[in-house]
Amino acid sequence: VSVPDMGAIEYIPPAPSGTGDLTGDGILNVIDIIQAVDIILGNVTPTDDQILIADINGDGTLDVIDIIQMVEIILE
């Protein structure tokens, strides 16, 4: 049974590993890809959770292969 978090800031758990949903909105879309590209290019310092979430192929790194797989998932 799920109960609401009564704190001042509600806890929102991170997206599951390998889903690519970096925004945490439950949808894999181009905004998630843009965030992943920013991480790859070094424009954003990622958290460990973000690397796990964006690592679609599960090889432990976020790279262009993960971006390609995100695009393929979106286009399916």
C-alpha atoms as a PDB file:
ATOM      1  CA  VAL A   1       0.000   0.000   0.000  1.00  0.00           C
ATOM      2  CA  SER A   2       1.403   3.376  -0.984  1.00  0.00           C
ATOM      3  CA  VAL A   3       1.079   6.279   1.418  1.00  0.00           C
ATOM      4  CA  PRO A   4       1.781   9.947   0.741  1.00  0.00           C
ATOM      5  CA  ASP A   5       5.045  11.475   1.903  1.00  0.00           C
ATOM      6  CA  MET A   6       4.092  14.070   4.505  1.00  0.00           C
ATOM      7  CA  GLY A   7       7.393  15.976   4.365  1.00  0.00           C
ATOM      8  CA  ALA A   8       7.799  19.487   3.000  1.00  0.00           C
ATOM      9  CA  ILE A   9       9.299  18.092  -0.194  1.00  0.00           C
ATOM     10  CA  GLU A  10       7.737  14.871  -1.428  1.00  0.00           C
ATOM     11  CA  TYR A  11      10.209  12.115  -2.248  1.00  0.00           C
ATOM     12  CA  ILE A  12      10.081  11.032  -5.881  1.00  0.00           C
ATOM     13  CA  PRO A  13      12.124   7.890  -6.491  1.00  0.00           C
ATOM     14  CA  PRO A  14      14.450   7.859  -9.508  1.00  0.00           C
ATOM     15  CA  ALA A  15      13.382   6.127 -12.715  1.00  0.00           C
ATOM     16  CA  PRO A  16      14.417   2.472 -13.015  1.00  0.00           C
ATOM     17  CA  SER A  17      17.877   1.768 -14.398  1.00  0.00           C
ATOM     18  CA  GLY A  18      18.178   1.567 -18.149  1.00  0.00           C
ATOM     19  CA  THR A  19      14.871   3.244 -18.985  1.00  0.00           C
ATOM     20  CA  GLY A  20      16.402   6.430 -20.392  1.00  0.00           C
ATOM     21  CA  ASP A  21      13.818   8.585 -18.595  1.00  0.00           C
ATOM     22  CA  LEU A  22      16.196  11.269 -17.281  1.00  0.00           C
ATOM     23  CA  THR A  23      13.409  13.782 -16.639  1.00  0.00           C
ATOM     24  CA  GLY A  24      11.545  11.292 -14.444  1.00  0.00           C
ATOM     25  CA  ASP A  25       8.204  12.035 -16.090  1.00  0.00           C
ATOM     26  CA  GLY A  26       7.536   8.398 -17.002  1.00  0.00           C
ATOM     27  CA  ILE A  27       8.008   8.995 -20.729  1.00  0.00           C
ATOM     28  CA  LEU A  28      11.107   8.504 -22.877  1.00  0.00           C
ATOM     29  CA  ASN A  29      11.184  11.422 -25.305  1.00  0.00           C
ATOM     30  CA  VAL A  30      13.505  13.862 -27.065  1.00  0.00           C
ATOM     31  CA  ILE A  31      13.992  15.898 -23.881  1.00  0.00           C
ATOM     32  CA  ASP A  32      15.595  12.853 -22.245  1.00  0.00           C
ATOM     33  CA  ILE A  33      17.862  12.457 -25.284  1.00  0.00           C
ATOM     34  CA  ILE A  34      18.910  16.111 -25.087  1.00  0.00           C
ATOM     35  CA  GLN A  35      19.805  15.665 -21.419  1.00  0.00           C
ATOM     36  CA  ALA A  36      21.796  12.518 -22.213  1.00  0.00           C
ATOM     37  CA  VAL A  37      23.684  14.317 -25.006  1.00  0.00           C
ATOM     38  CA  ASP A  38      24.483  17.179 -22.605  1.00  0.00           C
ATOM     39  CA  ILE A  39      25.949  14.632 -20.187  1.00  0.00           C
ATOM     40  CA  ILE A  40      28.018  12.964 -22.934  1.00  0.00           C
ATOM     41  CA  LEU A  41      29.339  16.326 -24.170  1.00  0.00           C
ATOM     42  CA  GLY A  42      30.316  17.325 -20.629  1.00  0.00           C
ATOM     43  CA  ASN A  43      27.867  20.226 -20.440  1.00  0.00           C
ATOM     44  CA  VAL A  44      26.232  18.685 -17.345  1.00  0.00           C
ATOM     45  CA  THR A  45      27.798  16.741 -14.493  1.00  0.00           C
ATOM     46  CA  PRO A  46      25.623  13.646 -14.067  1.00  0.00           C
ATOM     47  CA  THR A  47      24.687  11.897 -10.874  1.00  0.00           C
ATOM     48  CA  ASP A  48      25.305   8.166 -10.562  1.00  0.00           C
ATOM     49  CA  ASP A  49      21.531   7.643 -10.830  1.00  0.00           C
ATOM     50  CA  GLN A  50      21.408   9.550 -14.125  1.00  0.00           C
ATOM     51  CA  ILE A  51      24.123   7.347 -15.617  1.00  0.00           C
ATOM     52  CA  LEU A  52      22.247   4.200 -14.560  1.00  0.00           C
ATOM     53  CA  ILE A  53      18.951   5.517 -15.919  1.00  0.00           C
ATOM     54  CA  ALA A  54      20.410   6.569 -19.284  1.00  0.00           C
ATOM     55  CA  ASP A  55      22.543   3.441 -19.747  1.00  0.00           C
ATOM     56  CA  ILE A  56      20.074   1.650 -22.023  1.00  0.00           C
ATOM     57  CA  ASN A  57      22.418  -1.173 -23.039  1.00  0.00           C
ATOM     58  CA  GLY A  58      23.638  -1.762 -19.479  1.00  0.00           C
ATOM     59  CA  ASP A  59      27.365  -1.575 -20.248  1.00  0.00           C
ATOM     60  CA  GLY A  60      28.070   0.840 -17.387  1.00  0.00           C
ATOM     61  CA  THR A  61      28.696   3.896 -19.552  1.00  0.00           C
ATOM     62  CA  LEU A  62      26.549   6.537 -21.188  1.00  0.00           C
ATOM     63  CA  ASP A  63      27.583   6.941 -24.812  1.00  0.00           C
ATOM     64  CA  VAL A  64      26.273   7.386 -28.345  1.00  0.00           C
ATOM     65  CA  ILE A  65      25.101   3.745 -28.467  1.00  0.00           C
ATOM     66  CA  ASP A  66      22.651   4.542 -25.650  1.00  0.00           C
ATOM     67  CA  ILE A  67      21.430   7.607 -27.586  1.00  0.00           C
ATOM     68  CA  ILE A  68      20.850   5.487 -30.699  1.00  0.00           C
ATOM     69  CA  GLN A  69      18.883   2.960 -28.651  1.00  0.00           C
ATOM     70  CA  MET A  70      16.784   5.741 -27.082  1.00  0.00           C
ATOM     71  CA  VAL A  71      15.912   7.030 -30.570  1.00  0.00           C
ATOM     72  CA  GLU A  72      14.993   3.499 -31.694  1.00  0.00           C
ATOM     73  CA  ILE A  73      12.689   3.073 -28.677  1.00  0.00           C
ATOM     74  CA  ILE A  74      10.973   6.391 -29.362  1.00  0.00           C
ATOM     75  CA  LEU A  75      10.490   5.555 -33.051  1.00  0.00           C
ATOM     76  CA  GLU A  76       8.980   2.112 -32.362  1.00  0.00           C
END
